[in-house]
């Protein structure tokens, strides 16, 4: 089973653009959060701003990344099952990471909670804004990644002696009595 699709999914460029833009914004946000946090609370503010920005970006990237990974199996027989398993796995990973991070970071003397909160909130808002702009500016057809049949199965007459899929001849009475 090949994991490469002959035709890429049309949402792949959109997700890649969102990930690249989020990465650039993460660097900018990290610098701003570190500078503001350092000016307000010193070294703990720098680390709190950087960690808050990093967590927001990583959590946003997990979803887009899991969709990109799942799209590698587009066209395969089990694509839908693999897609949802990978994306749901990414969501469960984020949930588990969230609880672990909260437990680890809670009460740390070097973490400034107010700077951490504002950096995290800014990261989430920047990520949402980038996703909204990218998805609004990119064109994605309403019906994509599908191929329509060239001939309707009903238009093809069965060969002589073949039976229809229902097991009855097409010319046989449907069972309704005609009075």
C-alpha atoms as a PDB file:
ATOM      1  CA  UNK A   1       0.000   0.000   0.000  1.00  0.00           C
ATOM      2  CA  UNK A   2       1.535   3.275  -1.103  1.00  0.00           C
ATOM      3  CA  UNK A   3       1.147   6.209   1.273  1.00  0.00           C
ATOM      4  CA  UNK A   4       1.544   8.783  -1.482  1.00  0.00           C
ATOM      5  CA  UNK A   5      -1.532  10.032  -3.249  1.00  0.00           C
ATOM      6  CA  UNK A   6      -1.391  10.481  -7.033  1.00  0.00           C
ATOM      7  CA  UNK A   7      -3.370  13.737  -6.690  1.00  0.00           C
ATOM      8  CA  UNK A   8      -2.802  15.895  -3.608  1.00  0.00           C
ATOM      9  CA  UNK A   9      -5.801  16.927  -1.547  1.00  0.00           C
ATOM     10  CA  UNK A  10      -6.830  20.486  -2.426  1.00  0.00           C
ATOM     11  CA  UNK A  11      -6.740  21.569   1.233  1.00  0.00           C
ATOM     12  CA  UNK A  12      -3.029  20.695   1.546  1.00  0.00           C
ATOM     13  CA  UNK A  13      -1.687  24.040   0.196  1.00  0.00           C
ATOM     14  CA  UNK A  14      -4.092  25.909   2.471  1.00  0.00           C
ATOM     15  CA  UNK A  15      -2.917  24.018   5.543  1.00  0.00           C
ATOM     16  CA  UNK A  16       0.732  24.449   4.581  1.00  0.00           C
ATOM     17  CA  UNK A  17       0.229  28.191   4.153  1.00  0.00           C
ATOM     18  CA  UNK A  18      -1.464  28.396   7.549  1.00  0.00           C
ATOM     19  CA  UNK A  19       1.395  26.467   9.178  1.00  0.00           C
ATOM     20  CA  UNK A  20       4.072  28.665   7.588  1.00  0.00           C
ATOM     21  CA  UNK A  21       2.259  31.874   8.523  1.00  0.00           C
ATOM     22  CA  UNK A  22       1.751  30.566  12.070  1.00  0.00           C
ATOM     23  CA  UNK A  23       5.446  29.756  12.341  1.00  0.00           C
ATOM     24  CA  UNK A  24       6.437  33.284  11.277  1.00  0.00           C
ATOM     25  CA  UNK A  25       3.875  34.795  13.647  1.00  0.00           C
ATOM     26  CA  UNK A  26       5.154  32.546  16.456  1.00  0.00           C
ATOM     27  CA  UNK A  27       8.657  33.946  16.113  1.00  0.00           C
ATOM     28  CA  UNK A  28       7.330  37.524  16.142  1.00  0.00           C
ATOM     29  CA  UNK A  29       4.966  36.797  19.039  1.00  0.00           C
ATOM     30  CA  UNK A  30       7.709  35.039  20.995  1.00  0.00           C
ATOM     31  CA  UNK A  31      10.025  38.047  20.650  1.00  0.00           C
ATOM     32  CA  UNK A  32       7.269  40.512  21.614  1.00  0.00           C
ATOM     33  CA  UNK A  33       6.125  38.371  24.563  1.00  0.00           C
ATOM     34  CA  UNK A  34       9.709  37.956  25.784  1.00  0.00           C
ATOM     35  CA  UNK A  35      10.453  41.692  25.523  1.00  0.00           C
ATOM     36  CA  UNK A  36       7.193  42.759  27.200  1.00  0.00           C
ATOM     37  CA  UNK A  37       7.457  40.013  29.830  1.00  0.00           C
ATOM     38  CA  UNK A  38      11.064  40.971  30.536  1.00  0.00           C
ATOM     39  CA  UNK A  39      10.183  44.650  30.855  1.00  0.00           C
ATOM     40  CA  UNK A  40       7.311  43.906  33.215  1.00  0.00           C
ATOM     41  CA  UNK A  41       8.612  41.004  35.350  1.00  0.00           C
ATOM     42  CA  UNK A  42      12.277  40.456  34.488  1.00  0.00           C
ATOM     43  CA  UNK A  43      13.702  37.038  33.619  1.00  0.00           C
ATOM     44  CA  UNK A  44      10.613  35.071  34.774  1.00  0.00           C
ATOM     45  CA  UNK A  45       8.521  37.290  32.480  1.00  0.00           C
ATOM     46  CA  UNK A  46      10.777  36.492  29.518  1.00  0.00           C
ATOM     47  CA  UNK A  47      10.447  32.747  30.054  1.00  0.00           C
ATOM     48  CA  UNK A  48       6.720  32.961  30.772  1.00  0.00           C
ATOM     49  CA  UNK A  49       6.103  34.946  27.569  1.00  0.00           C
ATOM     50  CA  UNK A  50       8.160  32.551  25.461  1.00  0.00           C
ATOM     51  CA  UNK A  51       6.504  29.454  26.911  1.00  0.00           C
ATOM     52  CA  UNK A  52       2.992  30.900  26.540  1.00  0.00           C
ATOM     53  CA  UNK A  53       3.609  31.802  22.887  1.00  0.00           C
ATOM     54  CA  UNK A  54       5.243  28.423  22.193  1.00  0.00           C
ATOM     55  CA  UNK A  55       2.363  26.436  23.685  1.00  0.00           C
ATOM     56  CA  UNK A  56      -0.220  28.350  21.639  1.00  0.00           C
ATOM     57  CA  UNK A  57       1.682  27.760  18.402  1.00  0.00           C
ATOM     58  CA  UNK A  58       2.393  24.089  19.070  1.00  0.00           C
ATOM     59  CA  UNK A  59      -1.233  23.367  19.916  1.00  0.00           C
ATOM     60  CA  UNK A  60      -2.423  25.111  16.740  1.00  0.00           C
ATOM     61  CA  UNK A  61       0.142  23.281  14.632  1.00  0.00           C
ATOM     62  CA  UNK A  62      -0.836  19.840  15.947  1.00  0.00           C
ATOM     63  CA  UNK A  63      -4.271  20.008  14.318  1.00  0.00           C
ATOM     64  CA  UNK A  64      -3.090  21.324  10.951  1.00  0.00           C
ATOM     65  CA  UNK A  65      -0.109  18.951  11.002  1.00  0.00           C
ATOM     66  CA  UNK A  66      -2.276  15.931  11.775  1.00  0.00           C
ATOM     67  CA  UNK A  67      -4.575  16.780   8.860  1.00  0.00           C
ATOM     68  CA  UNK A  68      -1.572  17.130   6.527  1.00  0.00           C
ATOM     69  CA  UNK A  69      -0.212  13.787   7.713  1.00  0.00           C
ATOM     70  CA  UNK A  70      -3.613  12.121   7.293  1.00  0.00           C
ATOM     71  CA  UNK A  71      -3.984  13.542   3.776  1.00  0.00           C
ATOM     72  CA  UNK A  72      -0.993  11.458   2.672  1.00  0.00           C
ATOM     73  CA  UNK A  73      -3.339   8.462   2.521  1.00  0.00           C
ATOM     74  CA  UNK A  74      -5.895  10.186   0.286  1.00  0.00           C
ATOM     75  CA  UNK A  75      -7.182   7.792  -2.337  1.00  0.00           C
ATOM     76  CA  UNK A  76      -6.475   4.680  -0.284  1.00  0.00           C
ATOM     77  CA  UNK A  77      -9.224   2.275   0.664  1.00  0.00           C
ATOM     78  CA  UNK A  78      -9.043   3.141   4.380  1.00  0.00           C
ATOM     79  CA  UNK A  79      -8.485   6.891   3.919  1.00  0.00           C
ATOM     80  CA  UNK A  80     -11.534   8.051   5.885  1.00  0.00           C
ATOM     81  CA  UNK A  81     -10.784   5.774   8.822  1.00  0.00           C
ATOM     82  CA  UNK A  82      -7.088   6.742   8.840  1.00  0.00           C
ATOM     83  CA  UNK A  83      -7.924  10.432   8.508  1.00  0.00           C
ATOM     84  CA  UNK A  84     -10.234  10.473  11.512  1.00  0.00           C
ATOM     85  CA  UNK A  85      -7.942   8.236  13.568  1.00  0.00           C
ATOM     86  CA  UNK A  86      -4.964  10.535  12.969  1.00  0.00           C
ATOM     87  CA  UNK A  87      -6.875  13.774  13.550  1.00  0.00           C
ATOM     88  CA  UNK A  88      -8.592  12.432  16.681  1.00  0.00           C
ATOM     89  CA  UNK A  89      -5.218  11.162  17.864  1.00  0.00           C
ATOM     90  CA  UNK A  90      -3.877  14.700  17.463  1.00  0.00           C
ATOM     91  CA  UNK A  91      -6.736  16.086  19.529  1.00  0.00           C
ATOM     92  CA  UNK A  92      -6.169  13.502  22.263  1.00  0.00           C
ATOM     93  CA  UNK A  93      -2.461  14.356  22.185  1.00  0.00           C
ATOM     94  CA  UNK A  94      -3.305  18.034  22.684  1.00  0.00           C
ATOM     95  CA  UNK A  95      -5.627  17.196  25.571  1.00  0.00           C
ATOM     96  CA  UNK A  96      -3.003  15.047  27.279  1.00  0.00           C
ATOM     97  CA  UNK A  97      -0.276  17.670  26.692  1.00  0.00           C
ATOM     98  CA  UNK A  98      -2.510  20.356  28.126  1.00  0.00           C
ATOM     99  CA  UNK A  99      -3.061  18.462  31.382  1.00  0.00           C
ATOM    100  CA  UNK A 100       0.616  17.536  31.690  1.00  0.00           C
ATOM    101  CA  UNK A 101       1.725  21.118  31.038  1.00  0.00           C
ATOM    102  CA  UNK A 102      -0.743  22.531  33.553  1.00  0.00           C
ATOM    103  CA  UNK A 103       0.424  20.063  36.207  1.00  0.00           C
ATOM    104  CA  UNK A 104       4.120  20.692  35.471  1.00  0.00           C
ATOM    105  CA  UNK A 105       3.902  24.473  35.181  1.00  0.00           C
ATOM    106  CA  UNK A 106       1.512  25.038  38.091  1.00  0.00           C
ATOM    107  CA  UNK A 107       3.288  26.662  40.988  1.00  0.00           C
ATOM    108  CA  UNK A 108       6.701  26.941  39.321  1.00  0.00           C
ATOM    109  CA  UNK A 109       8.634  29.811  40.937  1.00  0.00           C
ATOM    110  CA  UNK A 110      10.131  30.948  37.614  1.00  0.00           C
ATOM    111  CA  UNK A 111       6.726  31.185  35.868  1.00  0.00           C
ATOM    112  CA  UNK A 112       4.934  34.507  35.946  1.00  0.00           C
ATOM    113  CA  UNK A 113       1.244  33.493  35.574  1.00  0.00           C
ATOM    114  CA  UNK A 114      -0.072  36.824  34.275  1.00  0.00           C
ATOM    115  CA  UNK A 115       2.581  37.111  31.534  1.00  0.00           C
ATOM    116  CA  UNK A 116       2.104  33.429  30.665  1.00  0.00           C
ATOM    117  CA  UNK A 117      -1.675  33.881  30.391  1.00  0.00           C
ATOM    118  CA  UNK A 118      -1.472  36.962  28.152  1.00  0.00           C
ATOM    119  CA  UNK A 119       1.172  35.409  25.913  1.00  0.00           C
ATOM    120  CA  UNK A 120      -0.917  32.239  25.593  1.00  0.00           C
ATOM    121  CA  UNK A 121      -4.060  34.248  24.847  1.00  0.00           C
ATOM    122  CA  UNK A 122      -2.232  36.389  22.276  1.00  0.00           C
ATOM    123  CA  UNK A 123      -0.884  33.226  20.633  1.00  0.00           C
ATOM    124  CA  UNK A 124      -4.333  31.685  20.374  1.00  0.00           C
ATOM    125  CA  UNK A 125      -5.835  34.885  18.940  1.00  0.00           C
ATOM    126  CA  UNK A 126      -3.000  35.303  16.422  1.00  0.00           C
ATOM    127  CA  UNK A 127      -3.369  31.669  15.376  1.00  0.00           C
ATOM    128  CA  UNK A 128      -7.129  32.054  14.905  1.00  0.00           C
ATOM    129  CA  UNK A 129      -6.657  35.275  12.942  1.00  0.00           C
ATOM    130  CA  UNK A 130      -4.084  33.647  10.646  1.00  0.00           C
ATOM    131  CA  UNK A 131      -6.323  30.625  10.067  1.00  0.00           C
ATOM    132  CA  UNK A 132      -9.286  32.883   9.270  1.00  0.00           C
ATOM    133  CA  UNK A 133      -7.321  35.052   6.823  1.00  0.00           C
ATOM    134  CA  UNK A 134      -5.691  32.087   5.078  1.00  0.00           C
ATOM    135  CA  UNK A 135      -8.948  30.169   4.718  1.00  0.00           C
ATOM    136  CA  UNK A 136     -10.862  33.224   3.519  1.00  0.00           C
ATOM    137  CA  UNK A 137      -8.261  34.199   0.898  1.00  0.00           C
ATOM    138  CA  UNK A 138      -7.626  30.717  -0.492  1.00  0.00           C
ATOM    139  CA  UNK A 139     -10.070  29.333  -3.000  1.00  0.00           C
ATOM    140  CA  UNK A 140     -11.310  25.811  -2.384  1.00  0.00           C
ATOM    141  CA  UNK A 141     -14.068  24.346  -4.546  1.00  0.00           C
ATOM    142  CA  UNK A 142     -17.229  23.274  -2.775  1.00  0.00           C
ATOM    143  CA  UNK A 143     -16.858  19.791  -4.242  1.00  0.00           C
ATOM    144  CA  UNK A 144     -13.214  18.873  -4.440  1.00  0.00           C
ATOM    145  CA  UNK A 145     -11.087  15.762  -4.599  1.00  0.00           C
ATOM    146  CA  UNK A 146     -13.766  13.708  -6.280  1.00  0.00           C
ATOM    147  CA  UNK A 147     -14.332  12.271  -9.713  1.00  0.00           C
ATOM    148  CA  UNK A 148     -17.710  11.789 -11.260  1.00  0.00           C
ATOM    149  CA  UNK A 149     -18.594   8.672 -13.228  1.00  0.00           C
ATOM    150  CA  UNK A 150     -18.456   9.052 -16.977  1.00  0.00           C
ATOM    151  CA  UNK A 151     -21.350   6.644 -17.542  1.00  0.00           C
ATOM    152  CA  UNK A 152     -24.323   6.094 -15.270  1.00  0.00           C
ATOM    153  CA  UNK A 153     -24.607   2.397 -14.319  1.00  0.00           C
ATOM    154  CA  UNK A 154     -28.331   2.511 -15.101  1.00  0.00           C
ATOM    155  CA  UNK A 155     -27.600   3.515 -18.705  1.00  0.00           C
ATOM    156  CA  UNK A 156     -25.612   0.358 -19.420  1.00  0.00           C
ATOM    157  CA  UNK A 157     -27.748  -2.559 -20.553  1.00  0.00           C
ATOM    158  CA  UNK A 158     -26.857  -5.892 -18.961  1.00  0.00           C
ATOM    159  CA  UNK A 159     -25.318  -8.478 -21.256  1.00  0.00           C
ATOM    160  CA  UNK A 160     -27.481 -11.279 -22.606  1.00  0.00           C
ATOM    161  CA  UNK A 161     -28.127 -13.871 -19.935  1.00  0.00           C
ATOM    162  CA  UNK A 162     -26.883 -11.689 -17.058  1.00  0.00           C
ATOM    163  CA  UNK A 163     -29.118 -10.908 -14.151  1.00  0.00           C
ATOM    164  CA  UNK A 164     -29.483  -7.506 -12.553  1.00  0.00           C
ATOM    165  CA  UNK A 165     -27.858  -6.930  -9.161  1.00  0.00           C
ATOM    166  CA  UNK A 166     -31.196  -7.476  -7.461  1.00  0.00           C
ATOM    167  CA  UNK A 167     -31.352 -10.986  -8.867  1.00  0.00           C
ATOM    168  CA  UNK A 168     -34.283 -10.307 -11.152  1.00  0.00           C
ATOM    169  CA  UNK A 169     -34.434  -9.484 -14.831  1.00  0.00           C
ATOM    170  CA  UNK A 170     -34.992  -5.837 -15.702  1.00  0.00           C
ATOM    171  CA  UNK A 171     -38.040  -6.839 -17.738  1.00  0.00           C
ATOM    172  CA  UNK A 172     -39.607  -8.883 -14.952  1.00  0.00           C
ATOM    173  CA  UNK A 173     -42.723  -7.587 -13.256  1.00  0.00           C
ATOM    174  CA  UNK A 174     -41.967  -5.553 -10.133  1.00  0.00           C
ATOM    175  CA  UNK A 175     -44.477  -7.543  -8.129  1.00  0.00           C
ATOM    176  CA  UNK A 176     -47.211  -4.951  -8.388  1.00  0.00           C
ATOM    177  CA  UNK A 177     -50.422  -6.353  -9.753  1.00  0.00           C
ATOM    178  CA  UNK A 178     -51.762  -4.569 -12.774  1.00  0.00           C
ATOM    179  CA  UNK A 179     -55.512  -4.547 -12.945  1.00  0.00           C
END
